[in-house]
Amino acid sequence: MQDNSTQFEKAKAYAFLLLKFRLRSENELYGRLKKKKFDEAVARKTVAFLKEKEFIDDNVFAKGWIRSRIKRSLGLRRIRDELKVKGVDPEVVEAKVDEIRPDYNENEIVRVIAENRFSKLQGVETVTARRRVYAYLMRRGFSQDAIMDALKLK
C-alpha cells in the first residue's frame, strides 16, 4: 500500500492531466479522482489544494462553460442543467447566467435557428415541420415563450 503523500502526488498529477484538456468543476474533478480509485481523503485534499492554488474555481468554470455553450447556440435552460450535472453550486450558476443575460438575445437566436431548420424541412407538411422545429429547440434548452414567438412567424 502506498503512503498518502505518494497517493496525493499521483492524484495531483492526474488532476493536472485532466485540467490540461479543459477546465473542470470542483465536483467533477473530485468525481474523476474517486473513479480513478483514489482514497476519499486524498481526493478531497487534492481538490482543496487545487482550489487554494486557484487551478480550479467554479466561478471561472461556470463562466467559461456558459460562454462556450452559447457559442454552440444552446439555451440557458440546458446550460443550467449541464452545470447542475457538473456539480456547480446553483447560486454560482445563476450569478454567471445573470452576468451574460444582458448580451444574450434568446428570441433572436431562436428565430435564426428556427428559420434555418424550416429551410431544411421544405417539402415536409407544415404541422410536422413546426412540431419538429419545436422539439429541436426544446432539446437545445430554449424557453417555450421564445420558441412559440419564433413559430408564430412561420
N, C-alpha and C. Protein backbone atom coordinates (compact mmCIF):
# COMPACT_ATOMS: atom_id res chain seq x y z
N MET A 1 0.84 -1.20 0.00
CA MET A 1 0.00 0.00 0.00
C MET A 1 0.88 1.25 0.00
N GLN A 2 0.55 2.17 -0.87
CA GLN A 2 1.33 3.40 -0.96
C GLN A 2 0.92 4.36 0.15
N ASP A 3 1.88 5.15 0.62
CA ASP A 3 1.53 6.11 1.66
C ASP A 3 0.74 7.27 1.05
N ASN A 4 0.14 8.06 1.93
CA ASN A 4 -0.75 9.13 1.48
C ASN A 4 -0.04 10.21 0.66
N SER A 5 1.21 10.50 0.98
CA SER A 5 1.91 11.55 0.23
C SER A 5 2.15 11.10 -1.21
N THR A 6 2.46 9.82 -1.41
CA THR A 6 2.63 9.30 -2.78
C THR A 6 1.29 9.34 -3.52
N GLN A 7 0.23 8.92 -2.83
CA GLN A 7 -1.10 8.96 -3.43
C GLN A 7 -1.50 10.39 -3.78
N PHE A 8 -1.20 11.32 -2.88
CA PHE A 8 -1.52 12.73 -3.11
C PHE A 8 -0.79 13.25 -4.34
N GLU A 9 0.48 12.91 -4.48
CA GLU A 9 1.25 13.35 -5.65
C GLU A 9 0.67 12.75 -6.94
N LYS A 10 0.31 11.49 -6.89
CA LYS A 10 -0.30 10.84 -8.07
C LYS A 10 -1.65 11.48 -8.40
N ALA A 11 -2.43 11.79 -7.37
CA ALA A 11 -3.74 12.42 -7.57
C ALA A 11 -3.56 13.81 -8.19
N LYS A 12 -2.59 14.56 -7.71
CA LYS A 12 -2.33 15.89 -8.28
C LYS A 12 -1.91 15.77 -9.74
N ALA A 13 -1.04 14.81 -10.03
CA ALA A 13 -0.58 14.62 -11.41
C ALA A 13 -1.76 14.28 -12.32
N TYR A 14 -2.65 13.41 -11.85
CA TYR A 14 -3.83 13.03 -12.64
C TYR A 14 -4.76 14.23 -12.82
N ALA A 15 -4.95 15.01 -11.75
CA ALA A 15 -5.81 16.19 -11.83
C ALA A 15 -5.25 17.20 -12.83
N PHE A 16 -3.94 17.41 -12.79
CA PHE A 16 -3.32 18.34 -13.75
C PHE A 16 -3.47 17.83 -15.18
N LEU A 17 -3.39 16.53 -15.36
CA LEU A 17 -3.60 15.94 -16.68
C LEU A 17 -5.00 16.26 -17.18
N LEU A 18 -5.99 16.08 -16.32
CA LEU A 18 -7.38 16.39 -16.69
C LEU A 18 -7.56 17.87 -17.00
N LEU A 19 -6.94 18.72 -16.18
CA LEU A 19 -7.09 20.17 -16.36
C LEU A 19 -6.36 20.67 -17.60
N LYS A 20 -5.43 19.89 -18.08
CA LYS A 20 -4.70 20.27 -19.29
C LYS A 20 -5.65 20.31 -20.50
N PHE A 21 -6.67 19.46 -20.48
CA PHE A 21 -7.60 19.39 -21.61
C PHE A 21 -8.70 20.42 -21.55
N ARG A 22 -9.24 20.65 -20.35
CA ARG A 22 -10.26 21.68 -20.18
C ARG A 22 -10.46 21.96 -18.70
N LEU A 23 -11.05 23.12 -18.41
CA LEU A 23 -11.39 23.44 -17.03
C LEU A 23 -12.43 22.45 -16.52
N ARG A 24 -12.41 22.22 -15.23
CA ARG A 24 -13.38 21.31 -14.63
C ARG A 24 -13.90 21.91 -13.33
N SER A 25 -15.12 21.51 -12.98
CA SER A 25 -15.67 21.97 -11.70
C SER A 25 -15.03 21.17 -10.57
N GLU A 26 -15.14 21.71 -9.37
CA GLU A 26 -14.59 21.02 -8.20
C GLU A 26 -15.21 19.63 -8.06
N ASN A 27 -16.51 19.57 -8.17
CA ASN A 27 -17.22 18.31 -8.01
C ASN A 27 -16.86 17.31 -9.12
N GLU A 28 -16.73 17.80 -10.32
CA GLU A 28 -16.37 16.95 -11.45
C GLU A 28 -14.97 16.35 -11.24
N LEU A 29 -14.05 17.17 -10.81
CA LEU A 29 -12.68 16.72 -10.57
C LEU A 29 -12.64 15.71 -9.43
N TYR A 30 -13.37 15.99 -8.37
CA TYR A 30 -13.45 15.06 -7.24
C TYR A 30 -13.99 13.71 -7.71
N GLY A 31 -15.05 13.75 -8.51
CA GLY A 31 -15.64 12.51 -9.03
C GLY A 31 -14.67 11.72 -9.89
N ARG A 32 -13.90 12.41 -10.71
CA ARG A 32 -12.92 11.73 -11.56
C ARG A 32 -11.82 11.08 -10.72
N LEU A 33 -11.41 11.76 -9.67
CA LEU A 33 -10.39 11.18 -8.78
C LEU A 33 -10.92 9.94 -8.07
N LYS A 34 -12.17 10.01 -7.62
CA LYS A 34 -12.79 8.85 -6.96
C LYS A 34 -12.94 7.69 -7.94
N LYS A 35 -13.32 8.01 -9.17
CA LYS A 35 -13.48 6.98 -10.21
C LYS A 35 -12.15 6.30 -10.51
N LYS A 36 -11.06 7.03 -10.34
CA LYS A 36 -9.72 6.51 -10.59
C LYS A 36 -9.21 5.75 -9.36
N LYS A 37 -10.09 5.54 -8.38
CA LYS A 37 -9.82 4.75 -7.18
C LYS A 37 -8.87 5.42 -6.19
N PHE A 38 -8.83 6.75 -6.19
CA PHE A 38 -8.07 7.44 -5.15
C PHE A 38 -8.92 7.45 -3.89
N ASP A 39 -8.26 7.36 -2.76
CA ASP A 39 -8.91 7.41 -1.46
C ASP A 39 -9.69 8.73 -1.32
N GLU A 40 -10.81 8.69 -0.61
CA GLU A 40 -11.64 9.89 -0.47
C GLU A 40 -10.86 11.04 0.15
N ALA A 41 -10.07 10.76 1.18
CA ALA A 41 -9.29 11.81 1.83
C ALA A 41 -8.28 12.42 0.86
N VAL A 42 -7.66 11.60 0.05
CA VAL A 42 -6.68 12.08 -0.93
C VAL A 42 -7.39 12.93 -1.99
N ALA A 43 -8.55 12.46 -2.45
CA ALA A 43 -9.31 13.21 -3.46
C ALA A 43 -9.71 14.58 -2.91
N ARG A 44 -10.20 14.62 -1.69
CA ARG A 44 -10.61 15.89 -1.08
C ARG A 44 -9.40 16.82 -0.88
N LYS A 45 -8.29 16.25 -0.45
CA LYS A 45 -7.08 17.04 -0.23
C LYS A 45 -6.58 17.61 -1.56
N THR A 46 -6.66 16.81 -2.62
CA THR A 46 -6.22 17.26 -3.94
C THR A 46 -7.09 18.41 -4.43
N VAL A 47 -8.40 18.26 -4.31
CA VAL A 47 -9.31 19.31 -4.74
C VAL A 47 -9.08 20.58 -3.92
N ALA A 48 -8.90 20.43 -2.61
CA ALA A 48 -8.65 21.59 -1.75
C ALA A 48 -7.35 22.28 -2.15
N PHE A 49 -6.31 21.50 -2.45
CA PHE A 49 -5.03 22.06 -2.88
C PHE A 49 -5.19 22.85 -4.19
N LEU A 50 -5.87 22.24 -5.15
CA LEU A 50 -6.05 22.90 -6.45
C LEU A 50 -6.90 24.16 -6.33
N LYS A 51 -7.87 24.11 -5.45
CA LYS A 51 -8.72 25.29 -5.22
C LYS A 51 -7.92 26.40 -4.55
N GLU A 52 -7.13 26.04 -3.56
CA GLU A 52 -6.31 27.02 -2.84
C GLU A 52 -5.31 27.69 -3.78
N LYS A 53 -4.73 26.91 -4.69
CA LYS A 53 -3.73 27.45 -5.63
C LYS A 53 -4.39 28.06 -6.87
N GLU A 54 -5.74 28.10 -6.87
CA GLU A 54 -6.54 28.70 -7.94
C GLU A 54 -6.39 28.02 -9.30
N PHE A 55 -6.17 26.70 -9.27
CA PHE A 55 -6.19 25.94 -10.52
C PHE A 55 -7.62 25.56 -10.88
N ILE A 56 -8.48 25.48 -9.87
CA ILE A 56 -9.90 25.25 -10.12
C ILE A 56 -10.70 26.30 -9.36
N ASP A 57 -11.76 26.75 -10.00
CA ASP A 57 -12.65 27.75 -9.42
C ASP A 57 -13.99 27.61 -10.14
N ASP A 58 -15.01 27.25 -9.39
CA ASP A 58 -16.33 27.04 -10.02
C ASP A 58 -16.87 28.29 -10.68
N ASN A 59 -16.52 29.47 -10.18
CA ASN A 59 -16.96 30.71 -10.82
C ASN A 59 -16.36 30.84 -12.22
N VAL A 60 -15.08 30.60 -12.32
CA VAL A 60 -14.39 30.69 -13.62
C VAL A 60 -14.89 29.57 -14.55
N PHE A 61 -15.05 28.37 -13.99
CA PHE A 61 -15.53 27.24 -14.78
C PHE A 61 -16.92 27.53 -15.36
N ALA A 62 -17.83 28.01 -14.50
CA ALA A 62 -19.21 28.27 -14.94
C ALA A 62 -19.24 29.35 -16.03
N LYS A 63 -18.47 30.40 -15.84
CA LYS A 63 -18.44 31.48 -16.83
C LYS A 63 -17.93 30.97 -18.17
N GLY A 64 -16.86 30.20 -18.15
CA GLY A 64 -16.31 29.64 -19.39
C GLY A 64 -17.27 28.66 -20.05
N TRP A 65 -17.92 27.82 -19.23
CA TRP A 65 -18.86 26.84 -19.76
C TRP A 65 -20.04 27.54 -20.44
N ILE A 66 -20.56 28.56 -19.79
CA ILE A 66 -21.70 29.29 -20.35
C ILE A 66 -21.32 29.92 -21.69
N ARG A 67 -20.17 30.58 -21.73
CA ARG A 67 -19.73 31.21 -22.98
C ARG A 67 -19.55 30.19 -24.11
N SER A 68 -18.94 29.07 -23.79
CA SER A 68 -18.71 28.06 -24.84
C SER A 68 -20.02 27.45 -25.34
N ARG A 69 -20.97 27.26 -24.44
CA ARG A 69 -22.25 26.65 -24.83
C ARG A 69 -23.13 27.63 -25.59
N ILE A 70 -23.03 28.91 -25.27
CA ILE A 70 -23.79 29.91 -26.01
C ILE A 70 -23.29 29.99 -27.45
N LYS A 71 -21.98 29.84 -27.63
CA LYS A 71 -21.42 29.84 -28.99
C LYS A 71 -21.97 28.68 -29.81
N ARG A 72 -22.39 27.61 -29.14
CA ARG A 72 -22.97 26.46 -29.84
C ARG A 72 -24.49 26.60 -29.96
N SER A 73 -25.00 27.79 -29.69
CA SER A 73 -26.44 28.10 -29.80
C SER A 73 -27.30 27.20 -28.92
N LEU A 74 -26.94 27.13 -27.66
CA LEU A 74 -27.75 26.40 -26.70
C LEU A 74 -28.47 27.39 -25.80
N GLY A 75 -29.63 26.97 -25.31
CA GLY A 75 -30.43 27.82 -24.45
C GLY A 75 -29.96 27.80 -23.01
N LEU A 76 -30.37 28.79 -22.27
CA LEU A 76 -29.95 28.93 -20.89
C LEU A 76 -30.45 27.79 -20.01
N ARG A 77 -31.62 27.26 -20.30
CA ARG A 77 -32.15 26.15 -19.50
C ARG A 77 -31.22 24.93 -19.60
N ARG A 78 -30.80 24.61 -20.81
CA ARG A 78 -29.91 23.45 -20.99
C ARG A 78 -28.54 23.71 -20.35
N ILE A 79 -28.05 24.93 -20.48
CA ILE A 79 -26.75 25.26 -19.89
C ILE A 79 -26.82 25.13 -18.37
N ARG A 80 -27.92 25.62 -17.77
CA ARG A 80 -28.09 25.48 -16.32
C ARG A 80 -28.10 24.00 -15.92
N ASP A 81 -28.82 23.18 -16.69
CA ASP A 81 -28.90 21.75 -16.40
C ASP A 81 -27.52 21.09 -16.49
N GLU A 82 -26.75 21.46 -17.50
CA GLU A 82 -25.41 20.90 -17.66
C GLU A 82 -24.52 21.26 -16.48
N LEU A 83 -24.59 22.51 -16.04
CA LEU A 83 -23.77 22.94 -14.91
C LEU A 83 -24.21 22.25 -13.61
N LYS A 84 -25.50 21.99 -13.51
CA LYS A 84 -26.01 21.27 -12.34
C LYS A 84 -25.43 19.86 -12.31
N VAL A 85 -25.39 19.21 -13.47
CA VAL A 85 -24.81 17.87 -13.57
C VAL A 85 -23.32 17.91 -13.22
N LYS A 86 -22.64 18.99 -13.57
CA LYS A 86 -21.22 19.13 -13.27
C LYS A 86 -20.97 19.44 -11.79
N GLY A 87 -22.05 19.67 -11.03
CA GLY A 87 -21.92 19.89 -9.60
C GLY A 87 -21.62 21.31 -9.19
N VAL A 88 -21.89 22.26 -10.06
CA VAL A 88 -21.65 23.66 -9.72
C VAL A 88 -22.82 24.16 -8.87
N ASP A 89 -22.50 24.91 -7.84
CA ASP A 89 -23.49 25.46 -6.93
C ASP A 89 -24.52 26.28 -7.71
N PRO A 90 -25.82 26.03 -7.49
CA PRO A 90 -26.87 26.76 -8.23
C PRO A 90 -26.77 28.29 -8.10
N GLU A 91 -26.29 28.78 -6.95
CA GLU A 91 -26.14 30.22 -6.79
C GLU A 91 -25.06 30.76 -7.72
N VAL A 92 -23.98 30.00 -7.88
CA VAL A 92 -22.90 30.40 -8.80
C VAL A 92 -23.45 30.41 -10.23
N VAL A 93 -24.21 29.37 -10.58
CA VAL A 93 -24.78 29.27 -11.92
C VAL A 93 -25.66 30.47 -12.22
N GLU A 94 -26.57 30.78 -11.30
CA GLU A 94 -27.49 31.90 -11.52
C GLU A 94 -26.74 33.23 -11.62
N ALA A 95 -25.71 33.40 -10.80
CA ALA A 95 -24.93 34.64 -10.85
C ALA A 95 -24.25 34.79 -12.21
N LYS A 96 -23.69 33.71 -12.72
CA LYS A 96 -22.99 33.77 -14.01
C LYS A 96 -23.97 33.93 -15.17
N VAL A 97 -25.14 33.31 -15.07
CA VAL A 97 -26.17 33.47 -16.11
C VAL A 97 -26.65 34.92 -16.11
N ASP A 98 -26.84 35.49 -14.94
CA ASP A 98 -27.27 36.89 -14.85
C ASP A 98 -26.23 37.83 -15.45
N GLU A 99 -24.96 37.47 -15.34
CA GLU A 99 -23.89 38.30 -15.92
C GLU A 99 -23.98 38.37 -17.44
N ILE A 100 -24.31 37.24 -18.08
CA ILE A 100 -24.32 37.23 -19.55
C ILE A 100 -25.67 37.61 -20.13
N ARG A 101 -26.70 37.59 -19.32
CA ARG A 101 -28.06 37.84 -19.82
C ARG A 101 -28.21 39.14 -20.61
N PRO A 102 -27.59 40.26 -20.22
CA PRO A 102 -27.77 41.50 -20.99
C PRO A 102 -27.30 41.38 -22.45
N ASP A 103 -26.31 40.55 -22.71
CA ASP A 103 -25.78 40.38 -24.07
C ASP A 103 -26.43 39.23 -24.82
N TYR A 104 -27.37 38.55 -24.18
CA TYR A 104 -27.96 37.33 -24.74
C TYR A 104 -29.38 37.61 -25.20
N ASN A 105 -29.60 37.56 -26.51
CA ASN A 105 -30.93 37.81 -27.07
C ASN A 105 -31.52 36.48 -27.52
N GLU A 106 -32.20 35.81 -26.59
CA GLU A 106 -32.73 34.47 -26.86
C GLU A 106 -33.71 34.47 -28.03
N ASN A 107 -34.59 35.46 -28.09
CA ASN A 107 -35.59 35.49 -29.16
C ASN A 107 -34.93 35.53 -30.54
N GLU A 108 -33.90 36.33 -30.67
CA GLU A 108 -33.20 36.43 -31.96
C GLU A 108 -32.49 35.13 -32.32
N ILE A 109 -31.85 34.54 -31.35
CA ILE A 109 -31.14 33.27 -31.58
C ILE A 109 -32.13 32.19 -32.01
N VAL A 110 -33.24 32.09 -31.31
CA VAL A 110 -34.26 31.09 -31.62
C VAL A 110 -34.84 31.34 -33.00
N ARG A 111 -35.10 32.59 -33.33
CA ARG A 111 -35.66 32.92 -34.65
C ARG A 111 -34.72 32.45 -35.77
N VAL A 112 -33.45 32.75 -35.63
CA VAL A 112 -32.46 32.37 -36.66
C VAL A 112 -32.38 30.84 -36.78
N ILE A 113 -32.32 30.15 -35.66
CA ILE A 113 -32.24 28.68 -35.70
C ILE A 113 -33.51 28.10 -36.31
N ALA A 114 -34.66 28.65 -35.93
CA ALA A 114 -35.93 28.14 -36.47
C ALA A 114 -36.00 28.33 -37.98
N GLU A 115 -35.60 29.49 -38.46
CA GLU A 115 -35.59 29.73 -39.92
C GLU A 115 -34.69 28.72 -40.62
N ASN A 116 -33.54 28.49 -40.04
CA ASN A 116 -32.60 27.53 -40.62
C ASN A 116 -33.20 26.13 -40.65
N ARG A 117 -33.84 25.72 -39.56
CA ARG A 117 -34.45 24.38 -39.51
C ARG A 117 -35.61 24.26 -40.50
N PHE A 118 -36.42 25.31 -40.60
CA PHE A 118 -37.54 25.27 -41.54
C PHE A 118 -37.04 25.16 -42.97
N SER A 119 -35.94 25.82 -43.28
CA SER A 119 -35.41 25.74 -44.64
C SER A 119 -34.96 24.31 -44.97
N LYS A 120 -34.53 23.57 -43.97
CA LYS A 120 -34.11 22.18 -44.18
C LYS A 120 -35.31 21.24 -44.28
N LEU A 121 -36.47 21.72 -43.84
CA LEU A 121 -37.67 20.87 -43.83
C LEU A 121 -38.65 21.24 -44.93
N GLN A 122 -38.16 21.85 -45.99
CA GLN A 122 -39.05 22.17 -47.11
C GLN A 122 -39.58 20.86 -47.69
N GLY A 123 -40.84 20.88 -48.03
CA GLY A 123 -41.46 19.68 -48.57
C GLY A 123 -42.12 18.83 -47.49
N VAL A 124 -41.85 19.14 -46.23
CA VAL A 124 -42.48 18.43 -45.12
C VAL A 124 -43.74 19.20 -44.75
N GLU A 125 -44.80 18.47 -44.43
CA GLU A 125 -46.07 19.10 -44.06
C GLU A 125 -45.83 20.14 -42.96
N THR A 126 -46.52 21.27 -43.04
CA THR A 126 -46.30 22.40 -42.14
C THR A 126 -46.43 22.02 -40.67
N VAL A 127 -47.46 21.28 -40.33
CA VAL A 127 -47.68 20.88 -38.93
C VAL A 127 -46.53 20.02 -38.44
N THR A 128 -46.09 19.10 -39.27
CA THR A 128 -44.97 18.22 -38.91
C THR A 128 -43.68 19.02 -38.76
N ALA A 129 -43.45 19.94 -39.68
CA ALA A 129 -42.23 20.76 -39.63
C ALA A 129 -42.23 21.60 -38.35
N ARG A 130 -43.37 22.21 -38.01
CA ARG A 130 -43.45 23.02 -36.80
C ARG A 130 -43.18 22.17 -35.56
N ARG A 131 -43.74 20.98 -35.53
CA ARG A 131 -43.54 20.08 -34.40
C ARG A 131 -42.07 19.69 -34.26
N ARG A 132 -41.43 19.40 -35.38
CA ARG A 132 -40.00 19.02 -35.36
C ARG A 132 -39.12 20.17 -34.91
N VAL A 133 -39.40 21.37 -35.42
CA VAL A 133 -38.60 22.54 -35.04
C VAL A 133 -38.80 22.84 -33.56
N TYR A 134 -40.05 22.75 -33.10
CA TYR A 134 -40.34 22.99 -31.68
C TYR A 134 -39.54 22.02 -30.81
N ALA A 135 -39.59 20.73 -31.15
CA ALA A 135 -38.88 19.71 -30.37
C ALA A 135 -37.37 19.95 -30.40
N TYR A 136 -36.85 20.32 -31.55
CA TYR A 136 -35.42 20.58 -31.70
C TYR A 136 -34.99 21.73 -30.78
N LEU A 137 -35.76 22.81 -30.80
CA LEU A 137 -35.43 23.98 -29.98
C LEU A 137 -35.58 23.68 -28.48
N MET A 138 -36.55 22.88 -28.12
CA MET A 138 -36.71 22.50 -26.71
C MET A 138 -35.51 21.67 -26.25
N ARG A 139 -35.05 20.74 -27.08
CA ARG A 139 -33.88 19.92 -26.73
C ARG A 139 -32.64 20.78 -26.55
N ARG A 140 -32.57 21.88 -27.27
CA ARG A 140 -31.41 22.77 -27.17
C ARG A 140 -31.51 23.71 -25.97
N GLY A 141 -32.64 23.64 -25.25
CA GLY A 141 -32.74 24.35 -23.98
C GLY A 141 -33.28 25.76 -24.04
N PHE A 142 -34.01 26.09 -25.08
CA PHE A 142 -34.58 27.43 -25.17
C PHE A 142 -35.92 27.47 -24.45
N SER A 143 -36.33 28.68 -24.07
CA SER A 143 -37.59 28.82 -23.34
C SER A 143 -38.77 28.60 -24.29
N GLN A 144 -39.84 28.11 -23.73
CA GLN A 144 -41.03 27.84 -24.52
C GLN A 144 -41.59 29.13 -25.12
N ASP A 145 -41.51 30.23 -24.37
CA ASP A 145 -42.01 31.51 -24.88
C ASP A 145 -41.26 31.95 -26.13
N ALA A 146 -39.94 31.86 -26.09
CA ALA A 146 -39.13 32.26 -27.25
C ALA A 146 -39.42 31.36 -28.45
N ILE A 147 -39.60 30.08 -28.18
CA ILE A 147 -39.89 29.14 -29.29
C ILE A 147 -41.24 29.45 -29.90
N MET A 148 -42.24 29.67 -29.05
CA MET A 148 -43.59 29.95 -29.57
C MET A 148 -43.60 31.25 -30.36
N ASP A 149 -42.85 32.27 -29.92
CA ASP A 149 -42.75 33.52 -30.68
C ASP A 149 -42.15 33.28 -32.05
N ALA A 150 -41.12 32.45 -32.11
CA ALA A 150 -40.46 32.16 -33.40
C ALA A 150 -41.39 31.36 -34.31
N LEU A 151 -42.16 30.46 -33.75
CA LEU A 151 -43.06 29.63 -34.56
C LEU A 151 -44.27 30.42 -35.07
N LYS A 152 -44.63 31.49 -34.38
CA LYS A 152 -45.74 32.33 -34.85
C LYS A 152 -45.40 32.99 -36.18
N LEU A 153 -44.11 33.20 -36.39
CA LEU A 153 -43.67 33.86 -37.63
C LEU A 153 -43.79 32.94 -38.83
N LYS A 154 -43.90 31.65 -38.60
CA LYS A 154 -43.99 30.68 -39.72
C LYS A 154 -45.40 30.24 -39.96
